[in-house]
């Protein structure tokens, strides 16, 4: 428990174990605030403008790898309560969170710090509470009981976000029938958040399934020296035994597969190690031209 950021008080300087070596630090380049990142409005009625939505989502996935989503159907009050209850959890005394702390990544619900604390050379300045949400009845019994409303709030939120996530996957599936367009130049963009919007990030698995049509954008959170940041991230995972590979309809003699097939559970293990070590997670799965 002493490893948790939450347990460290009155720190005047960043500990050496949290400082990246010079070769792994971000380059000193100007990062411009970007208003060009797509904001996609669902308008509350998807079927009335479905084709346009599909085109906009695919364009955002091809050019940026992420977009912001508004009028998505998840109530604003529920979103606020979700963030609030998450903040309340991390503000609990460390001893009240002790029963959830675990360094075993196989645990369904666990509190941990950084990524792989005991095996990494440099630690990430973050604490994490991670748990499964679906099927809700199978996992909610493992969730925190303090704050007392955690299970009710997060349970309601998880159901609504899953509905939204599956709808987005349907739209992306429809859009995968088109051909990819060119990608933007690699550069860091400072995202201006839209109130009550979701930031949707195309993940590595979708990049492979789309055979590179969609891109998984590298993203980061910049630490604030004065204010803690709470992020509620929702991941759409396939089952561990799923085989991830380019979709058959996207591969032909004119468009060869760009990635080799791999079990999803293998990728998860490798992703943790690569993120810990600062290595690109997709390189091993890319098929080189011969």
Protein backbone atom coordinates (compact mmCIF):
# COMPACT_ATOMS: atom_id res chain seq x y z
CA UNK A 1 0.00 0.00 0.00
CA UNK A 2 2.94 2.33 0.57
CA UNK A 3 3.52 2.23 -3.19
CA UNK A 4 0.27 4.09 -3.91
CA UNK A 5 0.50 7.73 -4.90
CA UNK A 6 -2.43 8.24 -2.52
CA UNK A 7 -0.20 7.25 0.41
CA UNK A 8 2.45 9.88 -0.31
CA UNK A 9 1.97 13.17 1.53
CA UNK A 10 3.85 16.46 1.65
CA UNK A 11 6.13 15.55 -1.24
CA UNK A 12 8.27 18.54 -2.20
CA UNK A 13 10.12 16.94 -5.12
CA UNK A 14 9.37 14.21 -7.62
CA UNK A 15 11.11 10.98 -6.50
CA UNK A 16 13.88 9.75 -8.80
CA UNK A 17 11.96 6.54 -9.50
CA UNK A 18 9.28 8.60 -11.30
CA UNK A 19 11.65 10.53 -13.58
CA UNK A 20 12.15 9.21 -17.11
CA UNK A 21 15.71 9.01 -18.46
CA UNK A 22 16.46 11.72 -21.05
CA UNK A 23 16.06 9.36 -24.02
CA UNK A 24 12.47 8.50 -23.01
CA UNK A 25 11.28 12.02 -22.25
CA UNK A 26 8.94 13.80 -24.68
CA UNK A 27 10.72 16.10 -27.07
CA UNK A 28 10.58 19.80 -26.28
CA UNK A 29 8.26 20.86 -29.05
CA UNK A 30 5.46 23.37 -29.09
CA UNK A 31 2.11 21.68 -28.52
CA UNK A 32 -0.68 23.64 -30.07
CA UNK A 33 -4.24 23.66 -28.88
CA UNK A 34 -6.23 21.94 -31.59
CA UNK A 35 -9.81 22.73 -32.56
CA UNK A 36 -9.69 20.52 -35.63
CA UNK A 37 -10.23 17.23 -33.78
CA UNK A 38 -13.68 16.02 -34.86
CA UNK A 39 -16.66 16.51 -32.56
CA UNK A 40 -19.43 14.14 -33.67
CA UNK A 41 -22.98 14.95 -32.59
CA UNK A 42 -25.31 11.95 -32.47
CA UNK A 43 -28.38 14.24 -32.38
CA UNK A 44 -30.20 11.62 -30.30
CA UNK A 45 -31.54 9.95 -33.48
CA UNK A 46 -28.93 7.84 -35.20
CA UNK A 47 -31.08 6.31 -37.93
CA UNK A 48 -32.10 9.67 -39.39
CA UNK A 49 -28.51 10.51 -40.38
CA UNK A 50 -26.81 7.12 -40.10
CA UNK A 51 -24.80 7.28 -43.34
CA UNK A 52 -23.38 10.70 -42.46
CA UNK A 53 -22.44 9.49 -38.96
CA UNK A 54 -20.65 6.46 -40.38
CA UNK A 55 -18.66 8.64 -42.78
CA UNK A 56 -17.67 11.12 -40.05
CA UNK A 57 -16.64 8.40 -37.60
CA UNK A 58 -14.51 6.63 -40.20
CA UNK A 59 -12.88 9.87 -41.32
CA UNK A 60 -12.02 10.73 -37.70
CA UNK A 61 -10.64 7.24 -37.12
CA UNK A 62 -8.49 7.41 -40.24
CA UNK A 63 -7.12 10.93 -39.76
CA UNK A 64 -6.84 11.28 -35.97
CA UNK A 65 -7.52 7.95 -34.30
CA UNK A 66 -9.96 9.57 -31.90
CA UNK A 67 -12.87 11.98 -31.70
CA UNK A 68 -15.25 13.58 -29.21
CA UNK A 69 -18.85 12.43 -29.03
CA UNK A 70 -21.77 14.65 -27.97
CA UNK A 71 -25.52 14.06 -27.53
CA UNK A 72 -24.64 10.41 -26.95
CA UNK A 73 -27.57 9.51 -24.73
CA UNK A 74 -25.69 9.04 -21.44
CA UNK A 75 -27.30 11.52 -19.00
CA UNK A 76 -25.12 14.46 -17.98
CA UNK A 77 -26.02 13.99 -14.31
CA UNK A 78 -24.96 10.33 -14.43
CA UNK A 79 -21.61 11.30 -15.97
CA UNK A 80 -21.01 13.88 -13.23
CA UNK A 81 -21.99 11.43 -10.48
CA UNK A 82 -19.65 8.81 -11.94
CA UNK A 83 -16.65 11.13 -11.84
CA UNK A 84 -17.65 12.33 -8.37
CA UNK A 85 -17.90 8.84 -6.89
CA UNK A 86 -14.54 7.93 -8.48
CA UNK A 87 -12.97 11.00 -6.87
CA UNK A 88 -14.53 10.06 -3.53
CA UNK A 89 -12.98 6.60 -3.77
CA UNK A 90 -9.45 7.91 -4.30
CA UNK A 91 -9.92 10.40 -1.46
CA UNK A 92 -10.57 7.60 1.03
CA UNK A 93 -7.94 6.91 3.69
CA UNK A 94 -5.42 4.39 2.36
CA UNK A 95 -6.42 1.82 4.99
CA UNK A 96 -10.00 1.89 3.66
CA UNK A 97 -8.75 0.85 0.22
CA UNK A 98 -6.30 -1.80 1.45
CA UNK A 99 -8.54 -4.81 0.78
CA UNK A 100 -8.68 -3.96 -2.93
CA UNK A 101 -4.93 -3.51 -3.44
CA UNK A 102 -3.31 -6.24 -5.53
CA UNK A 103 -0.34 -6.64 -7.84
CA UNK A 104 -1.91 -9.67 -9.53
CA UNK A 105 -3.15 -8.53 -12.98
CA UNK A 106 -5.45 -11.58 -13.14
CA UNK A 107 -7.69 -10.25 -10.37
CA UNK A 108 -11.07 -9.09 -11.63
CA UNK A 109 -11.17 -6.03 -9.37
CA UNK A 110 -7.99 -4.48 -8.07
CA UNK A 111 -6.37 -1.27 -6.94
CA UNK A 112 -2.79 -0.78 -8.06
CA UNK A 113 -0.30 1.91 -8.96
CA UNK A 114 1.65 2.73 -12.13
CA UNK A 115 1.63 -0.19 -14.63
CA UNK A 116 3.84 -3.03 -13.38
CA UNK A 117 5.45 -1.50 -10.30
CA UNK A 118 7.81 -4.29 -9.26
CA UNK A 119 9.23 -4.87 -12.75
CA UNK A 120 9.43 -1.39 -14.26
CA UNK A 121 12.46 0.90 -14.13
CA UNK A 122 10.41 4.10 -14.00
CA UNK A 123 7.00 4.45 -12.39
CA UNK A 124 3.94 6.26 -13.75
CA UNK A 125 2.47 8.90 -11.44
CA UNK A 126 -0.99 7.37 -11.14
CA UNK A 127 -3.14 5.04 -9.06
CA UNK A 128 -5.69 2.81 -10.78
CA UNK A 129 -8.88 1.02 -9.81
CA UNK A 130 -9.71 -1.48 -12.52
CA UNK A 131 -12.59 -3.93 -12.67
CA UNK A 132 -14.84 -5.76 -15.12
CA UNK A 133 -18.34 -4.41 -15.79
CA UNK A 134 -20.01 -7.01 -18.02
CA UNK A 135 -21.96 -9.07 -17.31
CA UNK A 136 -22.80 -6.74 -14.44
CA UNK A 137 -24.30 -9.42 -12.20
CA UNK A 138 -21.11 -11.49 -12.46
CA UNK A 139 -18.75 -8.73 -11.32
CA UNK A 140 -20.56 -6.10 -9.24
CA UNK A 141 -20.07 -8.18 -6.07
CA UNK A 142 -16.29 -7.60 -6.34
CA UNK A 143 -16.58 -3.82 -6.58
CA UNK A 144 -15.86 -1.38 -3.73
CA UNK A 145 -18.54 -0.96 -1.05
CA UNK A 146 -17.08 2.39 -0.03
CA UNK A 147 -18.31 4.93 -1.12
CA UNK A 148 -21.63 3.22 -0.38
CA UNK A 149 -23.20 4.39 -3.66
CA UNK A 150 -20.26 3.26 -5.81
CA UNK A 151 -21.93 0.09 -7.08
CA UNK A 152 -25.23 1.77 -7.93
CA UNK A 153 -23.70 4.74 -9.74
CA UNK A 154 -20.98 2.85 -11.62
CA UNK A 155 -23.38 0.01 -12.41
CA UNK A 156 -25.89 2.36 -14.05
CA UNK A 157 -23.10 4.15 -15.88
CA UNK A 158 -21.54 0.91 -17.14
CA UNK A 159 -24.84 -0.27 -18.63
CA UNK A 160 -25.40 3.00 -20.50
CA UNK A 161 -21.82 3.20 -21.79
CA UNK A 162 -21.92 -0.41 -23.00
CA UNK A 163 -25.03 0.35 -25.06
CA UNK A 164 -23.26 3.34 -26.58
CA UNK A 165 -20.08 1.33 -27.22
CA UNK A 166 -21.89 -1.44 -29.08
CA UNK A 167 -23.70 1.13 -31.20
CA UNK A 168 -20.35 2.72 -32.14
CA UNK A 169 -18.94 -0.68 -33.08
CA UNK A 170 -21.94 -1.24 -35.36
CA UNK A 171 -21.30 2.09 -37.11
CA UNK A 172 -17.59 1.31 -37.50
CA UNK A 173 -18.44 -2.11 -38.91
CA UNK A 174 -20.66 -0.46 -41.53
CA UNK A 175 -17.92 2.00 -42.40
CA UNK A 176 -15.27 -0.70 -42.84
CA UNK A 177 -16.59 -1.40 -46.33
CA UNK A 178 -14.86 1.75 -47.63
CA UNK A 179 -11.18 2.20 -48.41
CA UNK A 180 -8.79 4.07 -46.11
CA UNK A 181 -7.66 7.63 -46.70
CA UNK A 182 -4.29 9.17 -45.87
CA UNK A 183 -3.22 9.76 -42.26
CA UNK A 184 -2.16 13.02 -40.68
CA UNK A 185 1.47 13.80 -39.88
CA UNK A 186 2.58 12.57 -36.46
CA UNK A 187 2.39 15.39 -33.91
CA UNK A 188 1.10 16.05 -30.42
CA UNK A 189 -2.18 17.93 -30.27
CA UNK A 190 -3.64 19.49 -27.13
CA UNK A 191 -7.28 18.44 -27.06
CA UNK A 192 -9.78 21.06 -25.94
CA UNK A 193 -12.44 19.09 -24.03
CA UNK A 194 -16.09 19.61 -24.91
CA UNK A 195 -18.38 19.63 -21.84
CA UNK A 196 -20.22 16.32 -21.28
CA UNK A 197 -18.59 14.71 -24.32
CA UNK A 198 -16.89 11.34 -24.48
CA UNK A 199 -13.41 11.09 -25.98
CA UNK A 200 -13.45 7.97 -28.17
CA UNK A 201 -10.03 6.48 -28.86
CA UNK A 202 -9.52 3.85 -31.58
CA UNK A 203 -7.58 1.01 -29.94
CA UNK A 204 -4.86 -1.28 -31.26
CA UNK A 205 -7.23 -4.20 -31.85
CA UNK A 206 -9.44 -2.11 -34.15
CA UNK A 207 -6.37 -0.90 -36.02
CA UNK A 208 -5.47 -4.52 -36.77
CA UNK A 209 -9.03 -5.66 -37.57
CA UNK A 210 -9.43 -2.72 -39.97
CA UNK A 211 -6.04 -3.65 -41.54
CA UNK A 212 -4.72 -0.16 -40.85
CA UNK A 213 -7.79 1.66 -42.12
CA UNK A 214 -8.33 3.03 -38.61
CA UNK A 215 -5.41 4.18 -36.49
CA UNK A 216 -4.76 3.77 -32.80
CA UNK A 217 -3.58 7.21 -31.73
CA UNK A 218 -0.87 7.54 -29.12
CA UNK A 219 -2.20 9.64 -26.28
CA UNK A 220 -1.01 10.90 -22.92
CA UNK A 221 -2.13 12.80 -19.84
CA UNK A 222 0.02 15.68 -18.62
CA UNK A 223 0.44 15.77 -14.84
CA UNK A 224 -0.74 18.90 -13.07
CA UNK A 225 1.45 20.06 -10.18
CA UNK A 226 -1.48 21.44 -8.19
CA UNK A 227 -4.67 19.58 -9.08
CA UNK A 228 -5.30 15.82 -9.19
CA UNK A 229 -6.97 14.49 -12.32
CA UNK A 230 -9.56 11.71 -12.22
CA UNK A 231 -10.25 9.81 -15.44
CA UNK A 232 -13.01 7.24 -15.92
CA UNK A 233 -11.89 5.08 -18.84
CA UNK A 234 -14.14 2.48 -20.45
CA UNK A 235 -12.48 -0.28 -22.47
CA UNK A 236 -14.20 -2.47 -25.05
CA UNK A 237 -12.30 -5.76 -24.88
CA UNK A 238 -12.80 -8.93 -26.89
CA UNK A 239 -12.58 -12.21 -24.98
CA UNK A 240 -9.07 -13.33 -24.06
CA UNK A 241 -9.21 -16.31 -26.43
CA UNK A 242 -10.21 -14.15 -29.42
CA UNK A 243 -7.91 -14.25 -32.44
CA UNK A 244 -7.20 -10.69 -33.60
CA UNK A 245 -6.46 -10.36 -37.32
CA UNK A 246 -7.38 -8.19 -40.34
CA UNK A 247 -11.01 -8.68 -41.38
CA UNK A 248 -11.33 -10.96 -44.40
CA UNK A 249 -13.38 -8.44 -46.40
CA UNK A 250 -10.53 -5.91 -46.12
CA UNK A 251 -7.84 -8.25 -47.43
CA UNK A 252 -7.44 -9.12 -51.10
CA UNK A 253 -4.75 -9.19 -53.78
CA UNK A 254 -4.70 -5.40 -53.88
CA UNK A 255 -4.68 -4.98 -50.11
CA UNK A 256 -2.50 -7.56 -48.36
CA UNK A 257 -2.72 -8.07 -44.57
CA UNK A 258 -0.55 -5.63 -42.63
CA UNK A 259 -0.60 -7.61 -39.38
CA UNK A 260 -0.22 -11.25 -38.39
CA UNK A 261 -2.98 -12.93 -36.34
CA UNK A 262 -2.47 -13.11 -32.57
CA UNK A 263 -4.48 -14.19 -29.50
CA UNK A 264 -5.82 -11.19 -27.62
CA UNK A 265 -4.51 -12.45 -24.28
CA UNK A 266 -1.00 -12.54 -25.77
CA UNK A 267 -1.33 -8.92 -26.86
CA UNK A 268 -2.49 -7.77 -23.41
CA UNK A 269 0.57 -9.30 -21.74
CA UNK A 270 2.90 -7.83 -24.34
CA UNK A 271 1.21 -4.42 -24.20
CA UNK A 272 1.79 -4.16 -20.44
CA UNK A 273 5.46 -5.03 -20.89
CA UNK A 274 5.97 -2.68 -23.86
CA UNK A 275 4.22 0.22 -22.15
CA UNK A 276 6.32 -0.40 -19.05
CA UNK A 277 9.55 -0.42 -21.08
CA UNK A 278 8.62 2.38 -23.50
CA UNK A 279 8.57 0.12 -26.58
CA UNK A 280 6.07 0.34 -29.48
CA UNK A 281 3.40 -2.33 -28.80
CA UNK A 282 2.44 -3.12 -32.41
CA UNK A 283 5.82 -3.58 -34.05
CA UNK A 284 6.03 -7.33 -33.42
CA UNK A 285 2.69 -7.92 -35.15
CA UNK A 286 3.41 -5.92 -38.31
CA UNK A 287 4.06 -7.85 -41.53
CA UNK A 288 7.06 -6.43 -43.37
CA UNK A 289 7.03 -6.14 -47.15
CA UNK A 290 9.39 -8.51 -48.95
